């Protein structure tokens, strides 16, 4: 039988890092800020997470949402998906915080 003591397992760190964006730091309410949102925040938009979200986060900052449509890493289908949610997205000045960190356990697998 098993005689060792089981250690707790934490899939994600529950304490934000100094360079991590948390909801309370966002300047826009009711829309997803493409310059400052964590990749995991795109999960609320079916089809955007993880691939499109990773491409958006890796290639910013953007002056406006229209700048995203110019990304060469996006396919026409991906651009169409972004346009589907355009009313839910915005671009404010980048805070310089790490948008890839978020609470996304798969962040290292983007764009491979």
N, C-alpha and C. Protein backbone atom coordinates (compact mmCIF):
# COMPACT_ATOMS: atom_id res chain seq x y z
N UNK A 1 0.80 -1.18 0.00
CA UNK A 1 0.00 0.00 0.00
C UNK A 1 0.85 1.25 0.00
N UNK A 2 0.19 2.36 -0.06
CA UNK A 2 0.83 3.67 -0.09
C UNK A 2 1.08 4.13 1.33
N UNK A 3 2.34 4.42 1.66
CA UNK A 3 2.65 4.82 3.02
C UNK A 3 3.12 6.27 3.12
N UNK A 4 3.34 6.93 1.98
CA UNK A 4 3.82 8.31 2.00
C UNK A 4 2.70 9.29 2.31
N UNK A 5 3.07 10.49 2.61
CA UNK A 5 2.10 11.55 2.90
C UNK A 5 1.87 12.32 1.60
N UNK A 6 0.62 12.42 1.23
CA UNK A 6 0.28 13.14 0.00
C UNK A 6 0.47 14.64 0.20
N UNK A 7 1.09 15.27 -0.77
CA UNK A 7 1.29 16.72 -0.75
C UNK A 7 0.20 17.38 -1.59
N UNK A 8 -0.26 18.56 -1.17
CA UNK A 8 -1.28 19.24 -1.97
C UNK A 8 -0.70 19.63 -3.34
N UNK A 9 -1.54 19.59 -4.34
CA UNK A 9 -1.14 19.95 -5.70
C UNK A 9 -1.91 21.18 -6.12
N UNK A 10 -1.18 22.17 -6.60
CA UNK A 10 -1.82 23.40 -7.07
C UNK A 10 -1.52 23.55 -8.55
N UNK A 11 -2.56 23.52 -9.37
CA UNK A 11 -2.37 23.65 -10.81
C UNK A 11 -1.96 25.05 -11.19
N UNK A 12 -2.49 26.04 -10.50
CA UNK A 12 -2.18 27.43 -10.80
C UNK A 12 -1.88 28.19 -9.53
N UNK A 13 -1.00 29.14 -9.61
CA UNK A 13 -0.68 29.99 -8.48
C UNK A 13 -1.87 30.91 -8.21
N UNK A 14 -2.30 31.00 -7.00
CA UNK A 14 -3.47 31.83 -6.67
C UNK A 14 -3.10 33.25 -6.31
N UNK A 15 -1.82 33.54 -6.17
CA UNK A 15 -1.37 34.89 -5.84
C UNK A 15 -0.79 35.53 -7.09
N UNK A 16 -1.33 36.67 -7.53
CA UNK A 16 -0.83 37.30 -8.75
C UNK A 16 0.63 37.72 -8.61
N UNK A 17 1.39 37.55 -9.67
CA UNK A 17 2.78 38.02 -9.70
C UNK A 17 2.77 39.53 -9.85
N UNK A 18 3.91 40.16 -9.56
CA UNK A 18 4.00 41.61 -9.67
C UNK A 18 3.69 42.13 -11.06
N UNK A 19 3.99 41.33 -12.08
CA UNK A 19 3.76 41.78 -13.45
C UNK A 19 2.49 41.18 -14.07
N UNK A 20 1.60 40.67 -13.25
CA UNK A 20 0.39 40.02 -13.73
C UNK A 20 -0.81 40.97 -13.64
N UNK A 21 -1.58 40.97 -14.69
CA UNK A 21 -2.79 41.79 -14.71
C UNK A 21 -3.91 41.05 -13.98
N UNK A 22 -4.58 41.74 -13.10
CA UNK A 22 -5.77 41.20 -12.45
C UNK A 22 -6.94 42.12 -12.77
N UNK A 23 -8.16 41.60 -12.63
CA UNK A 23 -9.34 42.37 -13.01
C UNK A 23 -9.36 43.78 -12.46
N UNK A 24 -8.91 43.94 -11.24
CA UNK A 24 -8.99 45.24 -10.57
C UNK A 24 -8.09 46.28 -11.22
N UNK A 25 -7.13 45.88 -12.05
CA UNK A 25 -6.21 46.81 -12.69
C UNK A 25 -6.71 47.30 -14.05
N UNK A 26 -7.77 46.75 -14.55
CA UNK A 26 -8.23 47.09 -15.88
C UNK A 26 -8.93 48.43 -15.89
N UNK A 27 -8.72 49.17 -16.99
CA UNK A 27 -9.31 50.49 -17.09
C UNK A 27 -10.65 50.49 -17.83
N UNK A 28 -10.95 49.44 -18.56
CA UNK A 28 -12.18 49.35 -19.32
C UNK A 28 -13.07 48.29 -18.69
N UNK A 29 -14.31 48.64 -18.45
CA UNK A 29 -15.25 47.69 -17.87
C UNK A 29 -16.27 47.32 -18.94
N UNK A 30 -16.58 46.03 -19.06
CA UNK A 30 -17.59 45.58 -20.01
C UNK A 30 -17.04 45.20 -21.37
N UNK A 31 -15.76 45.44 -21.61
CA UNK A 31 -15.11 45.05 -22.86
C UNK A 31 -13.76 44.42 -22.53
N UNK A 32 -13.27 43.61 -23.44
CA UNK A 32 -11.96 43.00 -23.26
C UNK A 32 -10.92 43.90 -23.94
N UNK A 33 -9.95 44.35 -23.18
CA UNK A 33 -8.90 45.23 -23.68
C UNK A 33 -7.79 44.38 -24.29
N UNK A 34 -7.65 44.43 -25.61
CA UNK A 34 -6.70 43.56 -26.29
C UNK A 34 -5.24 43.85 -25.95
N UNK A 35 -4.95 45.04 -25.45
CA UNK A 35 -3.57 45.36 -25.06
C UNK A 35 -3.22 44.92 -23.65
N UNK A 36 -4.21 44.69 -22.82
CA UNK A 36 -3.93 44.43 -21.41
C UNK A 36 -4.60 43.19 -20.83
N UNK A 37 -5.37 42.48 -21.62
CA UNK A 37 -6.08 41.30 -21.12
C UNK A 37 -5.17 40.08 -21.11
N UNK A 38 -5.33 39.25 -20.12
CA UNK A 38 -4.62 37.97 -20.09
C UNK A 38 -5.22 37.05 -21.15
N UNK A 39 -4.41 36.19 -21.70
CA UNK A 39 -4.87 35.27 -22.74
C UNK A 39 -6.08 34.47 -22.28
N UNK A 40 -6.07 34.04 -21.04
CA UNK A 40 -7.18 33.22 -20.52
C UNK A 40 -8.51 33.98 -20.53
N UNK A 41 -8.46 35.31 -20.54
CA UNK A 41 -9.70 36.10 -20.58
C UNK A 41 -10.48 35.90 -21.87
N UNK A 42 -9.81 35.45 -22.91
CA UNK A 42 -10.48 35.22 -24.19
C UNK A 42 -11.36 33.97 -24.18
N UNK A 43 -11.30 33.18 -23.12
CA UNK A 43 -12.12 31.97 -23.05
C UNK A 43 -13.61 32.28 -23.13
N UNK A 44 -14.00 33.48 -22.78
CA UNK A 44 -15.42 33.86 -22.84
C UNK A 44 -15.93 34.00 -24.27
N UNK A 45 -15.01 33.99 -25.24
CA UNK A 45 -15.38 34.12 -26.65
C UNK A 45 -15.04 32.82 -27.38
N UNK A 46 -16.03 31.97 -27.61
CA UNK A 46 -15.77 30.68 -28.27
C UNK A 46 -15.02 30.86 -29.59
N UNK A 47 -13.96 30.07 -29.74
CA UNK A 47 -13.16 30.12 -30.95
C UNK A 47 -11.95 31.03 -30.87
N UNK A 48 -11.87 31.85 -29.85
CA UNK A 48 -10.75 32.80 -29.71
C UNK A 48 -9.60 32.22 -28.88
N UNK A 49 -9.90 31.33 -27.97
CA UNK A 49 -8.91 30.80 -27.03
C UNK A 49 -8.54 29.38 -27.43
N UNK A 50 -7.30 29.00 -27.42
CA UNK A 50 -6.10 29.73 -27.08
C UNK A 50 -5.37 30.35 -28.27
N UNK A 51 -5.61 29.84 -29.48
CA UNK A 51 -4.78 30.22 -30.63
C UNK A 51 -4.86 31.69 -31.00
N UNK A 52 -6.06 32.18 -31.27
CA UNK A 52 -6.20 33.58 -31.67
C UNK A 52 -5.78 34.50 -30.54
N UNK A 53 -6.18 34.18 -29.33
CA UNK A 53 -5.80 34.99 -28.17
C UNK A 53 -4.29 35.08 -28.02
N UNK A 54 -3.61 33.98 -28.22
CA UNK A 54 -2.15 33.97 -28.13
C UNK A 54 -1.50 34.83 -29.20
N UNK A 55 -2.05 34.77 -30.40
CA UNK A 55 -1.50 35.59 -31.49
C UNK A 55 -1.74 37.07 -31.22
N UNK A 56 -2.89 37.42 -30.71
CA UNK A 56 -3.18 38.82 -30.38
C UNK A 56 -2.22 39.30 -29.29
N UNK A 57 -2.07 38.52 -28.24
CA UNK A 57 -1.22 38.92 -27.12
C UNK A 57 0.26 39.00 -27.48
N UNK A 58 0.70 38.12 -28.35
CA UNK A 58 2.12 38.08 -28.74
C UNK A 58 2.52 39.19 -29.69
N UNK A 59 1.57 39.83 -30.35
CA UNK A 59 1.91 40.77 -31.41
C UNK A 59 1.50 42.21 -31.15
N UNK A 60 1.03 42.53 -29.94
CA UNK A 60 0.63 43.89 -29.59
C UNK A 60 1.83 44.71 -29.18
N UNK A 61 1.63 45.91 -28.69
CA UNK A 61 0.34 46.57 -28.47
C UNK A 61 -0.24 47.15 -29.76
N UNK A 62 -1.50 47.51 -29.68
CA UNK A 62 -2.25 48.00 -30.82
C UNK A 62 -2.82 49.39 -30.53
N UNK A 63 -2.84 50.24 -31.54
CA UNK A 63 -3.45 51.56 -31.39
C UNK A 63 -4.97 51.45 -31.40
N UNK A 64 -5.47 50.46 -32.15
CA UNK A 64 -6.91 50.21 -32.21
C UNK A 64 -7.14 48.76 -32.58
N UNK A 65 -8.37 48.32 -32.47
CA UNK A 65 -8.71 46.93 -32.82
C UNK A 65 -8.41 46.66 -34.29
N UNK A 66 -8.56 47.66 -35.13
CA UNK A 66 -8.32 47.49 -36.57
C UNK A 66 -6.88 47.07 -36.86
N UNK A 67 -5.95 47.42 -35.99
CA UNK A 67 -4.55 47.00 -36.17
C UNK A 67 -4.41 45.49 -36.10
N UNK A 68 -5.26 44.83 -35.34
CA UNK A 68 -5.21 43.37 -35.21
C UNK A 68 -5.50 42.72 -36.56
N UNK A 69 -6.41 43.30 -37.33
CA UNK A 69 -6.78 42.72 -38.62
C UNK A 69 -5.62 42.71 -39.62
N UNK A 70 -4.58 43.49 -39.36
CA UNK A 70 -3.42 43.58 -40.25
C UNK A 70 -2.34 42.55 -39.93
N UNK A 71 -2.51 41.79 -38.85
CA UNK A 71 -1.50 40.81 -38.46
C UNK A 71 -1.35 39.72 -39.52
N UNK A 72 -0.11 39.50 -39.94
CA UNK A 72 0.15 38.48 -40.95
C UNK A 72 0.05 37.06 -40.38
N UNK A 73 0.09 36.92 -39.05
CA UNK A 73 0.01 35.60 -38.43
C UNK A 73 -1.42 35.09 -38.34
N UNK A 74 -2.39 35.95 -38.65
CA UNK A 74 -3.80 35.55 -38.58
C UNK A 74 -4.33 35.12 -39.95
N UNK A 75 -5.08 34.03 -39.96
CA UNK A 75 -5.73 33.59 -41.19
C UNK A 75 -7.00 34.41 -41.41
N UNK A 76 -7.58 34.32 -42.58
CA UNK A 76 -8.84 35.03 -42.87
C UNK A 76 -9.94 34.54 -41.93
N UNK A 77 -9.94 33.26 -41.64
CA UNK A 77 -10.96 32.70 -40.73
C UNK A 77 -10.78 33.25 -39.32
N UNK A 78 -9.53 33.41 -38.88
CA UNK A 78 -9.26 33.96 -37.55
C UNK A 78 -9.66 35.43 -37.47
N UNK A 79 -9.38 36.18 -38.53
CA UNK A 79 -9.79 37.59 -38.57
C UNK A 79 -11.32 37.69 -38.53
N UNK A 80 -11.98 36.81 -39.25
CA UNK A 80 -13.45 36.78 -39.24
C UNK A 80 -13.98 36.51 -37.83
N UNK A 81 -13.33 35.60 -37.12
CA UNK A 81 -13.74 35.28 -35.74
C UNK A 81 -13.56 36.49 -34.84
N UNK A 82 -12.47 37.22 -34.99
CA UNK A 82 -12.23 38.42 -34.18
C UNK A 82 -13.31 39.46 -34.48
N UNK A 83 -13.63 39.64 -35.74
CA UNK A 83 -14.66 40.61 -36.14
C UNK A 83 -16.02 40.25 -35.55
N UNK A 84 -16.25 38.97 -35.37
CA UNK A 84 -17.50 38.50 -34.76
C UNK A 84 -17.68 39.07 -33.35
N UNK A 85 -16.58 39.28 -32.65
CA UNK A 85 -16.62 39.79 -31.28
C UNK A 85 -16.13 41.23 -31.16
N UNK A 86 -16.02 41.95 -32.27
CA UNK A 86 -15.45 43.29 -32.28
C UNK A 86 -16.12 44.25 -31.29
N UNK A 87 -17.42 44.13 -31.12
CA UNK A 87 -18.14 45.02 -30.20
C UNK A 87 -17.79 44.75 -28.74
N UNK A 88 -17.19 43.60 -28.48
CA UNK A 88 -16.83 43.21 -27.12
C UNK A 88 -15.35 43.53 -26.80
N UNK A 89 -14.62 44.03 -27.81
CA UNK A 89 -13.18 44.25 -27.67
C UNK A 89 -12.85 45.74 -27.78
N UNK A 90 -11.76 46.14 -27.15
CA UNK A 90 -11.26 47.51 -27.24
C UNK A 90 -9.75 47.49 -27.09
N UNK A 91 -9.13 48.63 -27.40
CA UNK A 91 -7.68 48.77 -27.23
C UNK A 91 -7.39 50.05 -26.48
N UNK A 92 -6.81 49.92 -25.30
CA UNK A 92 -6.36 51.08 -24.53
C UNK A 92 -4.84 51.01 -24.47
N UNK A 93 -4.18 52.08 -24.05
CA UNK A 93 -2.71 52.02 -23.97
C UNK A 93 -2.23 50.84 -23.13
N UNK A 94 -1.18 50.21 -23.62
CA UNK A 94 -0.63 49.04 -22.93
C UNK A 94 -0.05 49.42 -21.58
N UNK A 95 -0.29 48.58 -20.58
CA UNK A 95 0.27 48.81 -19.25
C UNK A 95 1.68 48.26 -19.13
N UNK A 96 2.09 47.43 -20.08
CA UNK A 96 3.41 46.82 -20.01
C UNK A 96 3.44 45.59 -19.14
N UNK A 97 2.30 45.21 -18.57
CA UNK A 97 2.25 44.01 -17.75
C UNK A 97 2.17 42.77 -18.64
N UNK A 98 2.46 41.64 -18.09
CA UNK A 98 2.55 40.39 -18.83
C UNK A 98 1.17 39.81 -19.13
N UNK A 99 0.69 40.02 -20.36
CA UNK A 99 -0.64 39.52 -20.74
C UNK A 99 -0.63 38.02 -21.00
N UNK A 100 0.54 37.43 -21.21
CA UNK A 100 0.60 35.99 -21.45
C UNK A 100 0.48 35.21 -20.14
N UNK A 101 0.79 35.83 -19.02
CA UNK A 101 0.77 35.12 -17.74
C UNK A 101 -0.65 34.73 -17.36
N UNK A 102 -1.51 35.71 -17.16
CA UNK A 102 -2.89 35.44 -16.80
C UNK A 102 -3.01 34.29 -15.82
N UNK A 103 -3.91 33.40 -16.08
CA UNK A 103 -4.06 32.17 -15.31
C UNK A 103 -4.08 31.01 -16.30
N UNK A 104 -3.24 31.11 -17.32
CA UNK A 104 -3.28 30.16 -18.41
C UNK A 104 -2.17 29.11 -18.30
N UNK A 105 -2.52 27.89 -17.96
CA UNK A 105 -1.50 26.85 -17.80
C UNK A 105 -0.89 26.40 -19.13
N UNK A 106 -1.49 26.78 -20.26
CA UNK A 106 -1.02 26.34 -21.57
C UNK A 106 -0.25 27.41 -22.33
N UNK A 107 0.12 28.49 -21.68
CA UNK A 107 0.67 29.64 -22.39
C UNK A 107 1.94 29.33 -23.18
N UNK A 108 2.69 28.32 -22.82
CA UNK A 108 3.93 28.00 -23.53
C UNK A 108 3.67 27.31 -24.87
N UNK A 109 2.46 26.85 -25.09
CA UNK A 109 2.18 26.10 -26.31
C UNK A 109 1.65 26.96 -27.46
N UNK A 110 1.51 28.27 -27.25
CA UNK A 110 1.00 29.13 -28.31
C UNK A 110 1.95 29.18 -29.51
N UNK A 111 1.36 29.21 -30.67
CA UNK A 111 2.07 29.44 -31.93
C UNK A 111 3.17 28.42 -32.20
N UNK A 112 3.02 27.21 -31.75
CA UNK A 112 4.02 26.17 -32.05
C UNK A 112 3.60 25.41 -33.27
